[in-house]
Every structure is written in C-alpha cells, then in structure tokens.
C-alpha cells in the first residue's frame, strides 16, 4: 500500500510594472496529499480553480511550483 505524500504547490502570475519590468506575484499556495507529483499538481490545480471560482487555473496564474513536504502533518 502506497501512502500519500504532502505537497505544497505555489501559483504565480507575471505582471509588468509601471517601469516596464516583469515581476512574479504569488497568487496562492495549495497543500495537497497525493501519491506522486503528477497527481499532486492535478489536485492542486483543481483546488486553485475551486477556490478562485475559475474554470481554468491559467486565468489567474502563469505557472506553478511544487515542493514535497516531508515530515509535515
């Protein structure tokens, strides 16, 4: 039996400042339990959409980063 691992997925959006420079803004952090990174990303994207009431996560974010949270409850 494979136990789920904890993952932290952070969603980012790149904006252009008034000075014409790109800046990456953190939109939301979602923590999920999943057997692997692929499943964790899928779950986090669905949760992001649910929380933001979106049909597509890319409406409010350009990218996401995943981190395994070993030893965290």
N, C-alpha and C. Protein backbone atom coordinates (compact mmCIF):
# COMPACT_ATOMS: atom_id res chain seq x y z
N UNK A 1 0.84 -1.18 0.00
CA UNK A 1 0.00 0.00 0.00
C UNK A 1 0.89 1.25 0.00
N UNK A 2 0.62 2.15 -0.93
CA UNK A 2 1.39 3.37 -1.03
C UNK A 2 0.68 4.48 -0.26
N UNK A 3 1.41 5.11 0.63
CA UNK A 3 0.81 6.22 1.37
C UNK A 3 1.03 7.53 0.61
N UNK A 4 0.09 8.42 0.77
CA UNK A 4 0.21 9.72 0.11
C UNK A 4 1.27 10.57 0.78
N UNK A 5 1.90 11.38 -0.01
CA UNK A 5 2.89 12.35 0.46
C UNK A 5 2.22 13.72 0.46
N UNK A 6 2.77 14.64 1.23
CA UNK A 6 2.25 16.01 1.26
C UNK A 6 3.05 16.86 0.28
N UNK A 7 2.33 17.69 -0.47
CA UNK A 7 2.96 18.60 -1.42
C UNK A 7 2.43 20.01 -1.22
N UNK A 8 3.29 20.96 -1.45
CA UNK A 8 2.92 22.37 -1.42
C UNK A 8 3.09 22.89 -2.84
N UNK A 9 2.01 23.42 -3.41
CA UNK A 9 2.02 23.94 -4.78
C UNK A 9 1.75 25.44 -4.72
N UNK A 10 2.67 26.22 -5.27
CA UNK A 10 2.55 27.67 -5.27
C UNK A 10 2.27 28.14 -6.69
N UNK A 11 1.26 28.98 -6.83
CA UNK A 11 0.84 29.51 -8.13
C UNK A 11 1.33 30.94 -8.27
N UNK A 12 1.89 31.27 -9.44
CA UNK A 12 2.47 32.58 -9.71
C UNK A 12 1.88 33.21 -10.96
N UNK A 13 1.83 34.53 -10.96
CA UNK A 13 1.42 35.31 -12.13
C UNK A 13 2.49 36.35 -12.39
N UNK A 14 2.90 36.50 -13.63
CA UNK A 14 3.88 37.51 -14.01
C UNK A 14 3.13 38.76 -14.47
N UNK A 15 3.48 39.89 -13.87
CA UNK A 15 2.88 41.16 -14.27
C UNK A 15 3.99 42.11 -14.73
N UNK A 16 3.62 43.12 -15.47
CA UNK A 16 4.56 44.15 -15.89
C UNK A 16 4.34 45.37 -15.03
N UNK A 17 5.40 45.87 -14.42
CA UNK A 17 5.29 47.03 -13.54
C UNK A 17 5.14 48.30 -14.36
N UNK A 18 4.90 49.41 -13.67
CA UNK A 18 4.80 50.72 -14.32
C UNK A 18 6.12 51.11 -15.00
N UNK A 19 7.20 50.46 -14.57
CA UNK A 19 8.52 50.76 -15.14
C UNK A 19 8.90 49.81 -16.28
N UNK A 20 7.95 48.98 -16.69
CA UNK A 20 8.18 48.08 -17.82
C UNK A 20 8.94 46.81 -17.48
N UNK A 21 9.08 46.52 -16.21
CA UNK A 21 9.79 45.30 -15.80
C UNK A 21 8.80 44.24 -15.37
N UNK A 22 9.13 43.01 -15.68
CA UNK A 22 8.28 41.90 -15.26
C UNK A 22 8.55 41.56 -13.80
N UNK A 23 7.47 41.24 -13.10
CA UNK A 23 7.57 40.85 -11.69
C UNK A 23 6.63 39.68 -11.46
N UNK A 24 7.11 38.68 -10.76
CA UNK A 24 6.32 37.49 -10.48
C UNK A 24 5.63 37.64 -9.13
N UNK A 25 4.31 37.48 -9.13
CA UNK A 25 3.49 37.64 -7.93
C UNK A 25 2.92 36.29 -7.53
N UNK A 26 3.04 35.96 -6.25
CA UNK A 26 2.45 34.71 -5.74
C UNK A 26 0.94 34.91 -5.63
N UNK A 27 0.18 34.01 -6.26
CA UNK A 27 -1.28 34.10 -6.25
C UNK A 27 -1.90 33.31 -5.10
N UNK A 28 -1.40 32.12 -4.88
CA UNK A 28 -1.97 31.27 -3.82
C UNK A 28 -1.06 30.07 -3.61
N UNK A 29 -1.10 29.54 -2.40
CA UNK A 29 -0.41 28.29 -2.07
C UNK A 29 -1.48 27.27 -1.72
N UNK A 30 -1.36 26.08 -2.30
CA UNK A 30 -2.29 24.99 -2.03
C UNK A 30 -1.49 23.80 -1.55
N UNK A 31 -1.91 23.20 -0.45
CA UNK A 31 -1.26 22.00 0.05
C UNK A 31 -2.19 20.82 -0.18
N UNK A 32 -1.63 19.73 -0.72
CA UNK A 32 -2.41 18.54 -1.04
C UNK A 32 -1.65 17.29 -0.64
N UNK A 33 -2.39 16.20 -0.52
CA UNK A 33 -1.80 14.88 -0.29
C UNK A 33 -2.05 14.05 -1.54
N UNK A 34 -0.99 13.43 -2.05
CA UNK A 34 -1.09 12.64 -3.27
C UNK A 34 0.03 11.62 -3.31
N UNK A 35 -0.14 10.57 -4.13
CA UNK A 35 0.91 9.54 -4.20
C UNK A 35 2.17 9.99 -4.93
N UNK A 36 2.05 11.02 -5.81
CA UNK A 36 3.21 11.49 -6.57
C UNK A 36 2.97 12.92 -7.03
N UNK A 37 4.01 13.53 -7.61
CA UNK A 37 3.94 14.93 -8.05
C UNK A 37 2.88 15.16 -9.11
N UNK A 38 2.75 14.25 -10.05
CA UNK A 38 1.77 14.42 -11.13
C UNK A 38 0.35 14.54 -10.57
N UNK A 39 0.01 13.63 -9.66
CA UNK A 39 -1.31 13.69 -9.04
C UNK A 39 -1.46 14.94 -8.16
N UNK A 40 -0.39 15.30 -7.48
CA UNK A 40 -0.43 16.48 -6.62
C UNK A 40 -0.70 17.75 -7.43
N UNK A 41 -0.05 17.88 -8.58
CA UNK A 41 -0.29 19.05 -9.43
C UNK A 41 -1.73 19.09 -9.92
N UNK A 42 -2.25 17.95 -10.32
CA UNK A 42 -3.63 17.88 -10.79
C UNK A 42 -4.59 18.29 -9.68
N UNK A 43 -4.40 17.74 -8.48
CA UNK A 43 -5.26 18.09 -7.35
C UNK A 43 -5.16 19.57 -6.99
N UNK A 44 -3.94 20.10 -6.98
CA UNK A 44 -3.74 21.50 -6.62
C UNK A 44 -4.36 22.44 -7.66
N UNK A 45 -4.25 22.11 -8.92
CA UNK A 45 -4.85 22.94 -9.96
C UNK A 45 -6.37 22.96 -9.83
N UNK A 46 -6.96 21.80 -9.54
CA UNK A 46 -8.40 21.74 -9.34
C UNK A 46 -8.83 22.53 -8.11
N UNK A 47 -8.03 22.44 -7.04
CA UNK A 47 -8.35 23.19 -5.82
C UNK A 47 -8.19 24.69 -6.05
N UNK A 48 -7.18 25.09 -6.76
CA UNK A 48 -6.97 26.51 -7.10
C UNK A 48 -8.19 27.04 -7.85
N UNK A 49 -8.66 26.28 -8.83
CA UNK A 49 -9.85 26.68 -9.59
C UNK A 49 -11.08 26.77 -8.69
N UNK A 50 -11.24 25.82 -7.81
CA UNK A 50 -12.39 25.83 -6.90
C UNK A 50 -12.35 27.06 -5.99
N UNK A 51 -11.18 27.33 -5.42
CA UNK A 51 -11.04 28.46 -4.50
C UNK A 51 -11.23 29.81 -5.19
N UNK A 52 -10.76 29.91 -6.42
CA UNK A 52 -10.86 31.16 -7.17
C UNK A 52 -12.13 31.24 -8.04
N UNK A 53 -12.90 30.13 -8.03
CA UNK A 53 -14.12 30.04 -8.86
C UNK A 53 -13.81 30.26 -10.33
N UNK A 54 -12.86 29.48 -10.81
CA UNK A 54 -12.39 29.55 -12.20
C UNK A 54 -12.62 28.22 -12.90
N UNK A 55 -12.66 28.28 -14.22
CA UNK A 55 -12.74 27.04 -14.99
C UNK A 55 -11.35 26.59 -15.45
N UNK A 56 -10.38 27.53 -15.43
CA UNK A 56 -9.02 27.24 -15.89
C UNK A 56 -8.03 28.00 -15.01
N UNK A 57 -7.11 27.29 -14.39
CA UNK A 57 -6.17 27.92 -13.46
C UNK A 57 -5.29 28.96 -14.12
N UNK A 58 -5.05 28.84 -15.44
CA UNK A 58 -4.16 29.78 -16.14
C UNK A 58 -4.79 31.16 -16.33
N UNK A 59 -6.03 31.33 -15.94
CA UNK A 59 -6.65 32.66 -15.99
C UNK A 59 -5.99 33.57 -14.94
N UNK A 60 -5.63 33.03 -13.79
CA UNK A 60 -5.05 33.82 -12.70
C UNK A 60 -3.61 33.47 -12.38
N UNK A 61 -3.01 32.54 -13.11
CA UNK A 61 -1.61 32.17 -12.85
C UNK A 61 -0.93 31.76 -14.15
N UNK A 62 0.37 32.00 -14.20
CA UNK A 62 1.16 31.63 -15.37
C UNK A 62 1.89 30.31 -15.17
N UNK A 63 2.24 30.04 -13.92
CA UNK A 63 3.00 28.83 -13.64
C UNK A 63 2.76 28.41 -12.20
N UNK A 64 3.17 27.20 -11.91
CA UNK A 64 3.12 26.73 -10.53
C UNK A 64 4.39 25.96 -10.22
N UNK A 65 4.76 25.98 -8.95
CA UNK A 65 5.96 25.28 -8.48
C UNK A 65 5.52 24.31 -7.40
N UNK A 66 6.11 23.12 -7.42
CA UNK A 66 5.73 22.09 -6.45
C UNK A 66 6.90 21.74 -5.56
N UNK A 67 6.58 21.46 -4.30
CA UNK A 67 7.60 21.11 -3.32
C UNK A 67 7.04 20.02 -2.42
N UNK A 68 7.78 18.95 -2.26
CA UNK A 68 7.33 17.87 -1.36
C UNK A 68 7.62 18.31 0.07
N UNK A 69 6.65 18.05 0.95
CA UNK A 69 6.73 18.48 2.34
C UNK A 69 6.97 17.28 3.24
N UNK A 70 8.16 16.75 3.25
CA UNK A 70 8.49 15.58 4.09
C UNK A 70 8.37 15.94 5.55
N UNK A 71 7.78 15.02 6.29
CA UNK A 71 7.69 15.17 7.73
C UNK A 71 6.68 16.17 8.22
N UNK A 72 5.89 16.75 7.31
CA UNK A 72 4.87 17.71 7.73
C UNK A 72 3.53 16.97 7.88
N UNK A 73 2.76 17.33 8.87
CA UNK A 73 1.45 16.68 9.05
C UNK A 73 0.47 17.05 7.97
